[in-house]
Amino acid sequence: MSTSIIDESTSKLKVVLLLVLSVSMVSSASILIIASTSPSLVKVFWRTLYGALFMAIIGAMRGDLSALRTPRVRNNLHWLAGIGVILSLHFSTWFQSLEMTSIAASVVLVDSSPIFTAIFSTIFLGESIRRRSWVGILVAVSGAIFLAWVDYGGIDLGALSGDLLALAGAVFLAIYFIGGRKFAKGMPITIYTSIVYLFAAITTLLLCIPLGFDVFVFDPTEILIFIGLAIFPTVLGHSVNNYLLTKVPAYVVSAAVLGEPIGATLLGAAIFMLYPTPLVWVGFFIILLGVAVVLADIVSRERAQDSSLDNTDGLQPYSLGSDPK
């Protein structure tokens, strides 16, 4: 076996491991959000501000700050600012939904984003989606809808606004993934994320001021929660996802994130003693089945590409779900 083939296999394993890491870390977000007593927009502000700070520090340690002067960054700064606005809207709508509906309903509805990501990827990025991947996405989203329906039986109609906010968060999340797929390439991920997070923090601050929210929080517990939100679901979750968006199609990352409801519900059971019912586990199985179908389709396509490359003089660079452009 050649060294290039070993390197390619290692790269694929790296992508899978990073997907597992990002889903695990993002799953902690809803628990930390509920644990905080601050207003939703204040949580969003500190999560994104600390996230920008931490990614900038990592970028400085890696020597990435010189990339700020490159045309790739300077010429697309307005687009990165726009993505930051979208991220702020995603966090703001979803955080608020967690205060109005249950963890399960909020998380599974916001994680219905793959269907929007797939549609937007096809329209704006030209990323072709095979029929099997569409089936997997629809199965996973069906599982999310089933979970929401099961959970909705014990919730009054006042939670409908929370559910709608979670769906709005799903649309913003899909746009955020599309933006990352298009603009994160060609620049260090530390630079991309620190800029996007900073503009998200600025956007959220501009929302807090007219609404009369005091963003200055001095409670030690709240500060620790904000730092936790910045480190775990942001630096180790969203930032890893942004890196993966430079390697794989946006709908793959979005579909993998559908595993978040499982992690969030398990953490809710361990911390808040909120145990899932048998029907909830059925929903989990449906979601996992859909995610497995999507990932299996990607592996199948890669194997087909590998077989065709075996008949050529050399191997092409690694690409899990290559961009057809």
C-alpha atoms as a PDB file:
ATOM      1  CA  MET A   1       0.000   0.000   0.000  1.00  0.00           C
ATOM      2  CA  SER A   2       1.454   3.353  -1.036  1.00  0.00           C
ATOM      3  CA  THR A   3       2.113   6.187   1.372  1.00  0.00           C
ATOM      4  CA  SER A   4      -0.371   8.417  -0.482  1.00  0.00           C
ATOM      5  CA  ILE A   5      -3.171   5.901   0.042  1.00  0.00           C
ATOM      6  CA  ILE A   6      -2.344   5.685   3.761  1.00  0.00           C
ATOM      7  CA  ASP A   7      -2.365   9.487   4.005  1.00  0.00           C
ATOM      8  CA  GLU A   8      -5.746   9.618   2.266  1.00  0.00           C
ATOM      9  CA  SER A   9      -7.232   7.017   4.632  1.00  0.00           C
ATOM     10  CA  THR A  10      -5.859   8.948   7.602  1.00  0.00           C
ATOM     11  CA  SER A  11      -7.491  12.127   6.268  1.00  0.00           C
ATOM     12  CA  LYS A  12     -10.874  10.415   6.011  1.00  0.00           C
ATOM     13  CA  LEU A  13     -10.535   9.074   9.555  1.00  0.00           C
ATOM     14  CA  LYS A  14      -9.633  12.588  10.705  1.00  0.00           C
ATOM     15  CA  VAL A  15     -12.834  13.964   9.169  1.00  0.00           C
ATOM     16  CA  VAL A  16     -14.963  11.316  10.886  1.00  0.00           C
ATOM     17  CA  LEU A  17     -13.289  11.907  14.263  1.00  0.00           C
ATOM     18  CA  LEU A  18     -13.741  15.663  13.923  1.00  0.00           C
ATOM     19  CA  LEU A  19     -17.424  15.160  13.117  1.00  0.00           C
ATOM     20  CA  VAL A  20     -17.809  13.101  16.301  1.00  0.00           C
ATOM     21  CA  LEU A  21     -15.959  15.762  18.314  1.00  0.00           C
ATOM     22  CA  SER A  22     -18.032  18.640  16.959  1.00  0.00           C
ATOM     23  CA  VAL A  23     -21.363  16.871  17.554  1.00  0.00           C
ATOM     24  CA  SER A  24     -20.321  15.954  21.103  1.00  0.00           C
ATOM     25  CA  MET A  25     -19.285  19.512  21.907  1.00  0.00           C
ATOM     26  CA  VAL A  26     -22.298  21.184  20.272  1.00  0.00           C
ATOM     27  CA  SER A  27     -24.560  18.886  22.313  1.00  0.00           C
ATOM     28  CA  SER A  28     -23.459  20.688  25.481  1.00  0.00           C
ATOM     29  CA  ALA A  29     -24.814  24.034  24.290  1.00  0.00           C
ATOM     30  CA  SER A  30     -28.462  23.621  25.303  1.00  0.00           C
ATOM     31  CA  ILE A  31     -27.484  22.458  28.803  1.00  0.00           C
ATOM     32  CA  LEU A  32     -25.209  25.450  29.373  1.00  0.00           C
ATOM     33  CA  ILE A  33     -27.812  27.828  27.949  1.00  0.00           C
ATOM     34  CA  ILE A  34     -30.501  26.564  30.321  1.00  0.00           C
ATOM     35  CA  ALA A  35     -28.088  26.668  33.266  1.00  0.00           C
ATOM     36  CA  SER A  36     -27.578  30.408  32.763  1.00  0.00           C
ATOM     37  CA  THR A  37     -30.065  32.886  34.239  1.00  0.00           C
ATOM     38  CA  SER A  38     -29.055  35.764  31.947  1.00  0.00           C
ATOM     39  CA  PRO A  39     -31.295  36.981  29.088  1.00  0.00           C
ATOM     40  CA  SER A  40     -30.870  35.085  25.816  1.00  0.00           C
ATOM     41  CA  LEU A  41     -29.216  37.943  23.929  1.00  0.00           C
ATOM     42  CA  VAL A  42     -26.705  38.469  26.741  1.00  0.00           C
ATOM     43  CA  LYS A  43     -25.739  34.797  26.521  1.00  0.00           C
ATOM     44  CA  VAL A  44     -25.299  35.115  22.760  1.00  0.00           C
ATOM     45  CA  PHE A  45     -23.161  38.243  23.143  1.00  0.00           C
ATOM     46  CA  TRP A  46     -20.707  36.693  25.592  1.00  0.00           C
ATOM     47  CA  ARG A  47     -20.588  33.339  23.807  1.00  0.00           C
ATOM     48  CA  THR A  48     -19.600  34.956  20.515  1.00  0.00           C
ATOM     49  CA  LEU A  49     -17.291  37.566  22.078  1.00  0.00           C
ATOM     50  CA  TYR A  50     -15.364  34.989  24.112  1.00  0.00           C
ATOM     51  CA  GLY A  51     -15.366  32.695  21.080  1.00  0.00           C
ATOM     52  CA  ALA A  52     -13.802  35.433  18.936  1.00  0.00           C
ATOM     53  CA  LEU A  53     -11.199  36.110  21.637  1.00  0.00           C
ATOM     54  CA  PHE A  54     -10.232  32.456  22.056  1.00  0.00           C
ATOM     55  CA  MET A  55      -9.967  31.831  18.300  1.00  0.00           C
ATOM     56  CA  ALA A  56      -7.867  35.001  17.888  1.00  0.00           C
ATOM     57  CA  ILE A  57      -5.507  33.785  20.628  1.00  0.00           C
ATOM     58  CA  ILE A  58      -5.203  30.391  18.938  1.00  0.00           C
ATOM     59  CA  GLY A  59      -4.590  32.150  15.627  1.00  0.00           C
ATOM     60  CA  ALA A  60      -1.835  34.271  17.165  1.00  0.00           C
ATOM     61  CA  MET A  61      -0.176  31.177  18.632  1.00  0.00           C
ATOM     62  CA  ARG A  62      -0.287  29.503  15.211  1.00  0.00           C
ATOM     63  CA  GLY A  63       1.058  32.572  13.419  1.00  0.00           C
ATOM     64  CA  ASP A  64      -2.149  33.038  11.421  1.00  0.00           C
ATOM     65  CA  LEU A  65      -2.648  36.768  12.080  1.00  0.00           C
ATOM     66  CA  SER A  66      -0.623  37.741   9.003  1.00  0.00           C
ATOM     67  CA  ALA A  67      -3.506  36.365   6.920  1.00  0.00           C
ATOM     68  CA  LEU A  68      -5.563  39.408   7.956  1.00  0.00           C
ATOM     69  CA  ARG A  69      -3.611  41.406   5.351  1.00  0.00           C
ATOM     70  CA  THR A  70      -4.252  38.995   2.492  1.00  0.00           C
ATOM     71  CA  PRO A  71      -6.676  39.882  -0.339  1.00  0.00           C
ATOM     72  CA  ARG A  72      -8.741  36.777   0.442  1.00  0.00           C
ATOM     73  CA  VAL A  73      -9.643  38.201   3.855  1.00  0.00           C
ATOM     74  CA  ARG A  74      -9.771  41.914   3.019  1.00  0.00           C
ATOM     75  CA  ASN A  75     -11.838  41.482  -0.142  1.00  0.00           C
ATOM     76  CA  ASN A  76     -14.410  39.292   1.606  1.00  0.00           C
ATOM     77  CA  LEU A  77     -14.631  41.109   4.927  1.00  0.00           C
ATOM     78  CA  HIS A  78     -18.146  42.348   4.164  1.00  0.00           C
ATOM     79  CA  TRP A  79     -19.265  38.779   3.479  1.00  0.00           C
ATOM     80  CA  LEU A  80     -17.720  37.573   6.734  1.00  0.00           C
ATOM     81  CA  ALA A  81     -19.565  40.372   8.526  1.00  0.00           C
ATOM     82  CA  GLY A  82     -22.805  39.185   6.924  1.00  0.00           C
ATOM     83  CA  ILE A  83     -22.155  35.616   8.057  1.00  0.00           C
ATOM     84  CA  GLY A  84     -21.567  36.984  11.561  1.00  0.00           C
ATOM     85  CA  VAL A  85     -24.971  38.670  11.456  1.00  0.00           C
ATOM     86  CA  ILE A  86     -26.559  35.381  10.399  1.00  0.00           C
ATOM     87  CA  LEU A  87     -24.794  33.540  13.233  1.00  0.00           C
ATOM     88  CA  SER A  88     -26.104  36.100  15.722  1.00  0.00           C
ATOM     89  CA  LEU A  89     -29.647  35.610  14.412  1.00  0.00           C
ATOM     90  CA  HIS A  90     -29.256  31.817  14.613  1.00  0.00           C
ATOM     91  CA  PHE A  91     -28.097  31.937  18.226  1.00  0.00           C
ATOM     92  CA  SER A  92     -30.640  34.583  19.227  1.00  0.00           C
ATOM     93  CA  THR A  93     -33.669  32.737  17.854  1.00  0.00           C
ATOM     94  CA  TRP A  94     -32.537  29.360  19.158  1.00  0.00           C
ATOM     95  CA  PHE A  95     -31.516  30.567  22.631  1.00  0.00           C
ATOM     96  CA  GLN A  96     -34.903  32.238  23.020  1.00  0.00           C
ATOM     97  CA  SER A  97     -36.720  29.091  21.874  1.00  0.00           C
ATOM     98  CA  LEU A  98     -35.063  27.116  24.683  1.00  0.00           C
ATOM     99  CA  GLU A  99     -36.814  29.412  27.158  1.00  0.00           C
ATOM    100  CA  MET A 100     -40.209  28.840  25.529  1.00  0.00           C
ATOM    101  CA  THR A 101     -40.286  25.135  24.686  1.00  0.00           C
ATOM    102  CA  SER A 102     -38.567  21.926  25.793  1.00  0.00           C
ATOM    103  CA  ILE A 103     -34.943  20.977  25.162  1.00  0.00           C
ATOM    104  CA  ALA A 104     -35.927  18.082  22.901  1.00  0.00           C
ATOM    105  CA  ALA A 105     -38.359  20.100  20.767  1.00  0.00           C
ATOM    106  CA  SER A 106     -36.016  23.080  20.442  1.00  0.00           C
ATOM    107  CA  VAL A 107     -32.911  21.068  19.589  1.00  0.00           C
ATOM    108  CA  VAL A 108     -34.535  18.714  17.099  1.00  0.00           C
ATOM    109  CA  LEU A 109     -36.319  21.561  15.321  1.00  0.00           C
ATOM    110  CA  VAL A 110     -33.213  23.733  15.035  1.00  0.00           C
ATOM    111  CA  ASP A 111     -31.371  20.652  13.778  1.00  0.00           C
ATOM    112  CA  SER A 112     -33.819  20.253  10.910  1.00  0.00           C
ATOM    113  CA  SER A 113     -31.388  22.580   9.106  1.00  0.00           C
ATOM    114  CA  PRO A 114     -30.020  19.847   6.758  1.00  0.00           C
ATOM    115  CA  ILE A 115     -33.079  20.064   4.543  1.00  0.00           C
ATOM    116  CA  PHE A 116     -32.531  23.821   4.143  1.00  0.00           C
ATOM    117  CA  THR A 117     -28.775  23.364   3.769  1.00  0.00           C
ATOM    118  CA  ALA A 118     -29.253  20.775   1.030  1.00  0.00           C
ATOM    119  CA  ILE A 119     -31.608  23.054  -0.877  1.00  0.00           C
ATOM    120  CA  PHE A 120     -29.396  26.132  -0.476  1.00  0.00           C
ATOM    121  CA  SER A 121     -26.258  24.124  -1.388  1.00  0.00           C
ATOM    122  CA  THR A 122     -27.891  23.009  -4.610  1.00  0.00           C
ATOM    123  CA  ILE A 123     -29.086  26.512  -5.502  1.00  0.00           C
ATOM    124  CA  PHE A 124     -26.112  28.649  -4.473  1.00  0.00           C
ATOM    125  CA  LEU A 125     -23.075  26.329  -4.440  1.00  0.00           C
ATOM    126  CA  GLY A 126     -23.953  23.882  -7.186  1.00  0.00           C
ATOM    127  CA  GLU A 127     -23.196  20.935  -4.896  1.00  0.00           C
ATOM    128  CA  SER A 128     -24.936  17.936  -6.381  1.00  0.00           C
ATOM    129  CA  ILE A 129     -26.797  15.718  -3.937  1.00  0.00           C
ATOM    130  CA  ARG A 130     -27.348  12.102  -4.844  1.00  0.00           C
ATOM    131  CA  ARG A 131     -30.713  10.460  -4.368  1.00  0.00           C
ATOM    132  CA  ARG A 132     -29.494   8.289  -1.486  1.00  0.00           C
ATOM    133  CA  SER A 133     -28.270  11.338   0.417  1.00  0.00           C
ATOM    134  CA  TRP A 134     -31.629  13.037  -0.088  1.00  0.00           C
ATOM    135  CA  VAL A 135     -33.319   9.943   1.347  1.00  0.00           C
ATOM    136  CA  GLY A 136     -30.989  10.007   4.359  1.00  0.00           C
ATOM    137  CA  ILE A 137     -31.611  13.706   4.966  1.00  0.00           C
ATOM    138  CA  LEU A 138     -35.375  13.270   4.742  1.00  0.00           C
ATOM    139  CA  VAL A 139     -35.270  10.258   7.088  1.00  0.00           C
ATOM    140  CA  ALA A 140     -33.219  12.211   9.640  1.00  0.00           C
ATOM    141  CA  VAL A 141     -35.505  15.228   9.434  1.00  0.00           C
ATOM    142  CA  SER A 142     -38.510  12.911   9.773  1.00  0.00           C
ATOM    143  CA  GLY A 143     -36.977  11.607  12.974  1.00  0.00           C
ATOM    144  CA  ALA A 144     -36.556  15.162  14.232  1.00  0.00           C
ATOM    145  CA  ILE A 145     -40.194  15.941  13.420  1.00  0.00           C
ATOM    146  CA  PHE A 146     -41.297  12.727  15.132  1.00  0.00           C
ATOM    147  CA  LEU A 147     -39.371  13.705  18.262  1.00  0.00           C
ATOM    148  CA  ALA A 148     -40.960  17.137  18.260  1.00  0.00           C
ATOM    149  CA  TRP A 149     -44.425  15.575  17.848  1.00  0.00           C
ATOM    150  CA  VAL A 150     -43.816  13.173  20.742  1.00  0.00           C
ATOM    151  CA  ASP A 151     -42.564  15.999  22.916  1.00  0.00           C
ATOM    152  CA  TYR A 152     -45.342  18.363  21.853  1.00  0.00           C
ATOM    153  CA  GLY A 153     -47.989  16.160  23.448  1.00  0.00           C
ATOM    154  CA  GLY A 154     -47.040  17.462  26.894  1.00  0.00           C
ATOM    155  CA  ILE A 155     -46.615  21.109  25.974  1.00  0.00           C
ATOM    156  CA  ASP A 156     -49.279  23.826  25.871  1.00  0.00           C
ATOM    157  CA  LEU A 157     -49.925  25.855  22.748  1.00  0.00           C
ATOM    158  CA  GLY A 158     -47.872  28.718  24.161  1.00  0.00           C
ATOM    159  CA  ALA A 159     -44.759  26.749  23.142  1.00  0.00           C
ATOM    160  CA  LEU A 160     -45.649  27.173  19.467  1.00  0.00           C
ATOM    161  CA  SER A 161     -43.708  30.450  19.333  1.00  0.00           C
ATOM    162  CA  GLY A 162     -40.670  28.651  20.727  1.00  0.00           C
ATOM    163  CA  ASP A 163     -40.993  25.963  18.071  1.00  0.00           C
ATOM    164  CA  LEU A 164     -41.235  28.591  15.320  1.00  0.00           C
ATOM    165  CA  LEU A 165     -38.166  30.364  16.692  1.00  0.00           C
ATOM    166  CA  ALA A 166     -36.275  27.059  16.610  1.00  0.00           C
ATOM    167  CA  LEU A 167     -37.277  26.577  12.961  1.00  0.00           C
ATOM    168  CA  ALA A 168     -36.102  30.113  12.186  1.00  0.00           C
ATOM    169  CA  GLY A 169     -32.839  29.174  13.878  1.00  0.00           C
ATOM    170  CA  ALA A 170     -32.619  26.163  11.547  1.00  0.00           C
ATOM    171  CA  VAL A 171     -32.909  28.393   8.475  1.00  0.00           C
ATOM    172  CA  PHE A 172     -30.228  30.764   9.797  1.00  0.00           C
ATOM    173  CA  LEU A 173     -28.001  27.778  10.635  1.00  0.00           C
ATOM    174  CA  ALA A 174     -28.338  26.499   7.070  1.00  0.00           C
ATOM    175  CA  ILE A 175     -27.342  29.905   5.662  1.00  0.00           C
ATOM    176  CA  TYR A 176     -24.423  29.985   8.114  1.00  0.00           C
ATOM    177  CA  PHE A 177     -23.196  26.593   6.857  1.00  0.00           C
ATOM    178  CA  ILE A 178     -23.491  27.748   3.244  1.00  0.00           C
ATOM    179  CA  GLY A 179     -21.483  30.879   4.020  1.00  0.00           C
ATOM    180  CA  GLY A 180     -18.797  28.824   5.698  1.00  0.00           C
ATOM    181  CA  ARG A 181     -18.606  26.450   2.758  1.00  0.00           C
ATOM    182  CA  LYS A 182     -18.104  29.339   0.335  1.00  0.00           C
ATOM    183  CA  PHE A 183     -15.870  31.763   2.246  1.00  0.00           C
ATOM    184  CA  ALA A 184     -13.895  29.747   4.830  1.00  0.00           C
ATOM    185  CA  LYS A 185     -11.715  28.234   2.126  1.00  0.00           C
ATOM    186  CA  GLY A 186      -8.426  29.932   1.424  1.00  0.00           C
ATOM    187  CA  MET A 187      -7.925  31.459   4.873  1.00  0.00           C
ATOM    188  CA  PRO A 188      -6.891  30.053   8.272  1.00  0.00           C
ATOM    189  CA  ILE A 189      -9.951  28.780  10.114  1.00  0.00           C
ATOM    190  CA  THR A 190      -8.852  30.735  13.195  1.00  0.00           C
ATOM    191  CA  ILE A 191      -9.062  33.979  11.209  1.00  0.00           C
ATOM    192  CA  TYR A 192     -12.392  33.116   9.601  1.00  0.00           C
ATOM    193  CA  THR A 193     -14.071  32.158  12.867  1.00  0.00           C
ATOM    194  CA  SER A 194     -12.636  34.996  14.960  1.00  0.00           C
ATOM    195  CA  ILE A 195     -13.920  37.555  12.434  1.00  0.00           C
ATOM    196  CA  VAL A 196     -17.340  35.915  12.105  1.00  0.00           C
ATOM    197  CA  TYR A 197     -17.731  35.533  15.878  1.00  0.00           C
ATOM    198  CA  LEU A 198     -16.674  39.153  16.427  1.00  0.00           C
ATOM    199  CA  PHE A 199     -19.280  40.477  14.002  1.00  0.00           C
ATOM    200  CA  ALA A 200     -21.855  38.184  15.621  1.00  0.00           C
ATOM    201  CA  ALA A 201     -21.007  39.725  18.997  1.00  0.00           C
ATOM    202  CA  ILE A 202     -21.266  43.255  17.588  1.00  0.00           C
ATOM    203  CA  THR A 203     -24.635  42.451  16.006  1.00  0.00           C
ATOM    204  CA  THR A 204     -25.948  41.015  19.261  1.00  0.00           C
ATOM    205  CA  LEU A 205     -24.714  44.033  21.213  1.00  0.00           C
ATOM    206  CA  LEU A 206     -26.586  46.323  18.809  1.00  0.00           C
ATOM    207  CA  LEU A 207     -29.724  44.288  19.536  1.00  0.00           C
ATOM    208  CA  CYS A 208     -29.192  44.417  23.308  1.00  0.00           C
ATOM    209  CA  ILE A 209     -28.819  48.204  23.551  1.00  0.00           C
ATOM    210  CA  PRO A 210     -32.277  49.283  22.261  1.00  0.00           C
ATOM    211  CA  LEU A 211     -33.932  46.418  24.153  1.00  0.00           C
ATOM    212  CA  GLY A 212     -32.399  47.620  27.410  1.00  0.00           C
ATOM    213  CA  PHE A 213     -30.377  44.483  28.219  1.00  0.00           C
ATOM    214  CA  ASP A 214     -27.346  45.048  30.443  1.00  0.00           C
ATOM    215  CA  VAL A 215     -24.514  42.979  28.991  1.00  0.00           C
ATOM    216  CA  PHE A 216     -22.178  43.612  31.913  1.00  0.00           C
ATOM    217  CA  VAL A 217     -22.413  40.451  34.018  1.00  0.00           C
ATOM    218  CA  PHE A 218     -20.188  40.016  37.070  1.00  0.00           C
ATOM    219  CA  ASP A 219     -21.648  36.857  38.611  1.00  0.00           C
ATOM    220  CA  PRO A 220     -18.824  34.246  38.709  1.00  0.00           C
ATOM    221  CA  THR A 221     -21.153  31.363  37.849  1.00  0.00           C
ATOM    222  CA  GLU A 222     -22.554  33.182  34.826  1.00  0.00           C
ATOM    223  CA  ILE A 223     -19.069  34.094  33.633  1.00  0.00           C
ATOM    224  CA  LEU A 224     -17.984  30.446  33.861  1.00  0.00           C
ATOM    225  CA  ILE A 225     -21.057  29.406  31.867  1.00  0.00           C
ATOM    226  CA  PHE A 226     -20.272  31.998  29.181  1.00  0.00           C
ATOM    227  CA  ILE A 227     -16.682  30.768  28.979  1.00  0.00           C
ATOM    228  CA  GLY A 228     -17.964  27.188  28.787  1.00  0.00           C
ATOM    229  CA  LEU A 229     -20.292  28.183  25.932  1.00  0.00           C
ATOM    230  CA  ALA A 230     -17.342  29.756  24.133  1.00  0.00           C
ATOM    231  CA  ILE A 231     -14.962  26.822  24.595  1.00  0.00           C
ATOM    232  CA  PHE A 232     -17.071  23.690  24.180  1.00  0.00           C
ATOM    233  CA  PRO A 233     -19.897  24.249  21.666  1.00  0.00           C
ATOM    234  CA  THR A 234     -18.190  27.233  19.969  1.00  0.00           C
ATOM    235  CA  VAL A 235     -14.423  26.682  19.697  1.00  0.00           C
ATOM    236  CA  LEU A 236     -14.618  22.865  19.749  1.00  0.00           C
ATOM    237  CA  GLY A 237     -18.011  22.695  18.035  1.00  0.00           C
ATOM    238  CA  HIS A 238     -18.782  25.480  15.567  1.00  0.00           C
ATOM    239  CA  SER A 239     -15.129  26.181  14.764  1.00  0.00           C
ATOM    240  CA  VAL A 240     -14.486  22.511  13.994  1.00  0.00           C
ATOM    241  CA  ASN A 241     -17.599  22.515  11.809  1.00  0.00           C
ATOM    242  CA  ASN A 242     -16.263  25.543   9.929  1.00  0.00           C
ATOM    243  CA  TYR A 243     -13.001  23.697   9.336  1.00  0.00           C
ATOM    244  CA  LEU A 244     -14.912  20.668   8.074  1.00  0.00           C
ATOM    245  CA  LEU A 245     -16.863  22.902   5.688  1.00  0.00           C
ATOM    246  CA  THR A 246     -13.578  23.467   3.825  1.00  0.00           C
ATOM    247  CA  LYS A 247     -13.257  19.688   3.383  1.00  0.00           C
ATOM    248  CA  VAL A 248     -16.768  18.340   2.781  1.00  0.00           C
ATOM    249  CA  PRO A 249     -20.092  19.611   1.375  1.00  0.00           C
ATOM    250  CA  ALA A 250     -22.193  21.745   3.697  1.00  0.00           C
ATOM    251  CA  TYR A 251     -25.038  19.230   3.832  1.00  0.00           C
ATOM    252  CA  VAL A 252     -22.699  16.531   5.212  1.00  0.00           C
ATOM    253  CA  VAL A 253     -21.737  18.670   8.217  1.00  0.00           C
ATOM    254  CA  SER A 254     -25.340  19.755   8.675  1.00  0.00           C
ATOM    255  CA  ALA A 255     -26.569  16.150   8.575  1.00  0.00           C
ATOM    256  CA  ALA A 256     -23.958  15.002  11.089  1.00  0.00           C
ATOM    257  CA  VAL A 257     -25.025  17.751  13.495  1.00  0.00           C
ATOM    258  CA  LEU A 258     -28.407  16.011  13.634  1.00  0.00           C
ATOM    259  CA  GLY A 259     -26.786  13.790  16.228  1.00  0.00           C
ATOM    260  CA  GLU A 260     -26.946  16.765  18.610  1.00  0.00           C
ATOM    261  CA  PRO A 261     -30.467  15.961  19.936  1.00  0.00           C
ATOM    262  CA  ILE A 262     -29.184  12.637  21.210  1.00  0.00           C
ATOM    263  CA  GLY A 263     -26.244  14.182  23.049  1.00  0.00           C
ATOM    264  CA  ALA A 264     -28.360  17.041  24.395  1.00  0.00           C
ATOM    265  CA  THR A 265     -31.074  14.705  25.661  1.00  0.00           C
ATOM    266  CA  LEU A 266     -28.566  12.377  27.325  1.00  0.00           C
ATOM    267  CA  LEU A 267     -26.920  15.342  29.045  1.00  0.00           C
ATOM    268  CA  GLY A 268     -30.342  16.609  30.087  1.00  0.00           C
ATOM    269  CA  ALA A 269     -31.061  13.237  31.661  1.00  0.00           C
ATOM    270  CA  ALA A 270     -27.724  13.151  33.480  1.00  0.00           C
ATOM    271  CA  ILE A 271     -27.819  16.747  34.759  1.00  0.00           C
ATOM    272  CA  PHE A 272     -31.486  17.729  35.009  1.00  0.00           C
ATOM    273  CA  MET A 273     -32.940  14.210  35.468  1.00  0.00           C
ATOM    274  CA  LEU A 274     -35.020  14.617  32.288  1.00  0.00           C
ATOM    275  CA  TYR A 275     -35.247  11.036  31.046  1.00  0.00           C
ATOM    276  CA  PRO A 276     -36.375  10.292  27.481  1.00  0.00           C
ATOM    277  CA  THR A 277     -39.429   8.086  26.910  1.00  0.00           C
ATOM    278  CA  PRO A 278     -39.373   4.973  24.687  1.00  0.00           C
ATOM    279  CA  LEU A 279     -40.917   6.975  21.829  1.00  0.00           C
ATOM    280  CA  VAL A 280     -38.098   9.504  22.112  1.00  0.00           C
ATOM    281  CA  TRP A 281     -35.593   6.684  21.667  1.00  0.00           C
ATOM    282  CA  VAL A 282     -37.487   5.671  18.518  1.00  0.00           C
ATOM    283  CA  GLY A 283     -36.970   9.203  17.226  1.00  0.00           C
ATOM    284  CA  PHE A 284     -33.270   8.970  18.064  1.00  0.00           C
ATOM    285  CA  PHE A 285     -33.015   5.747  16.052  1.00  0.00           C
ATOM    286  CA  ILE A 286     -34.684   7.361  13.029  1.00  0.00           C
ATOM    287  CA  ILE A 287     -32.299  10.317  13.180  1.00  0.00           C
ATOM    288  CA  LEU A 288     -29.235   8.080  13.453  1.00  0.00           C
ATOM    289  CA  LEU A 289     -30.496   5.957  10.565  1.00  0.00           C
ATOM    290  CA  GLY A 290     -30.802   9.027   8.368  1.00  0.00           C
ATOM    291  CA  VAL A 291     -27.338  10.287   9.297  1.00  0.00           C
ATOM    292  CA  ALA A 292     -25.893   6.827   8.643  1.00  0.00           C
ATOM    293  CA  VAL A 293     -27.468   6.751   5.169  1.00  0.00           C
ATOM    294  CA  VAL A 294     -25.925  10.118   4.269  1.00  0.00           C
ATOM    295  CA  LEU A 295     -22.468   9.179   5.533  1.00  0.00           C
ATOM    296  CA  ALA A 296     -22.653   5.736   3.881  1.00  0.00           C
ATOM    297  CA  ASP A 297     -23.467   7.432   0.588  1.00  0.00           C
ATOM    298  CA  ILE A 298     -20.401   9.645   0.930  1.00  0.00           C
ATOM    299  CA  VAL A 299     -18.195   6.632   1.676  1.00  0.00           C
ATOM    300  CA  SER A 300     -19.681   4.790  -1.313  1.00  0.00           C
ATOM    301  CA  ARG A 301     -18.946   7.720  -3.604  1.00  0.00           C
ATOM    302  CA  GLU A 302     -15.393   7.972  -2.275  1.00  0.00           C
ATOM    303  CA  ARG A 303     -14.775   4.276  -2.882  1.00  0.00           C
ATOM    304  CA  ALA A 304     -16.020   4.672  -6.432  1.00  0.00           C
ATOM    305  CA  GLN A 305     -13.634   7.594  -6.913  1.00  0.00           C
ATOM    306  CA  ASP A 306     -10.796   5.549  -5.410  1.00  0.00           C
ATOM    307  CA  SER A 307     -11.496   2.697  -7.836  1.00  0.00           C
ATOM    308  CA  SER A 308     -11.345   5.053 -10.790  1.00  0.00           C
ATOM    309  CA  LEU A 309      -8.116   6.573  -9.490  1.00  0.00           C
ATOM    310  CA  ASP A 310      -6.518   3.122  -9.286  1.00  0.00           C
ATOM    311  CA  ASN A 311      -6.642   3.056 -13.084  1.00  0.00           C
ATOM    312  CA  THR A 312      -4.742   6.342 -13.376  1.00  0.00           C
ATOM    313  CA  ASP A 313      -1.091   7.212 -12.903  1.00  0.00           C
ATOM    314  CA  GLY A 314      -1.581   8.990  -9.576  1.00  0.00           C
ATOM    315  CA  LEU A 315      -3.965   9.889  -6.804  1.00  0.00           C
ATOM    316  CA  GLN A 316      -5.848  13.175  -6.665  1.00  0.00           C
ATOM    317  CA  PRO A 317      -5.917  15.212  -3.461  1.00  0.00           C
ATOM    318  CA  TYR A 318      -8.258  13.940  -0.755  1.00  0.00           C
ATOM    319  CA  SER A 319     -11.852  15.128  -1.002  1.00  0.00           C
ATOM    320  CA  LEU A 320     -14.776  13.766   0.973  1.00  0.00           C
ATOM    321  CA  GLY A 321     -17.738  14.866  -1.118  1.00  0.00           C
ATOM    322  CA  SER A 322     -15.793  17.062  -3.538  1.00  0.00           C
ATOM    323  CA  ASP A 323     -17.047  20.419  -4.721  1.00  0.00           C
ATOM    324  CA  PRO A 324     -18.154  20.016  -8.345  1.00  0.00           C
ATOM    325  CA  LYS A 325     -17.076  23.549  -9.254  1.00  0.00           C
END
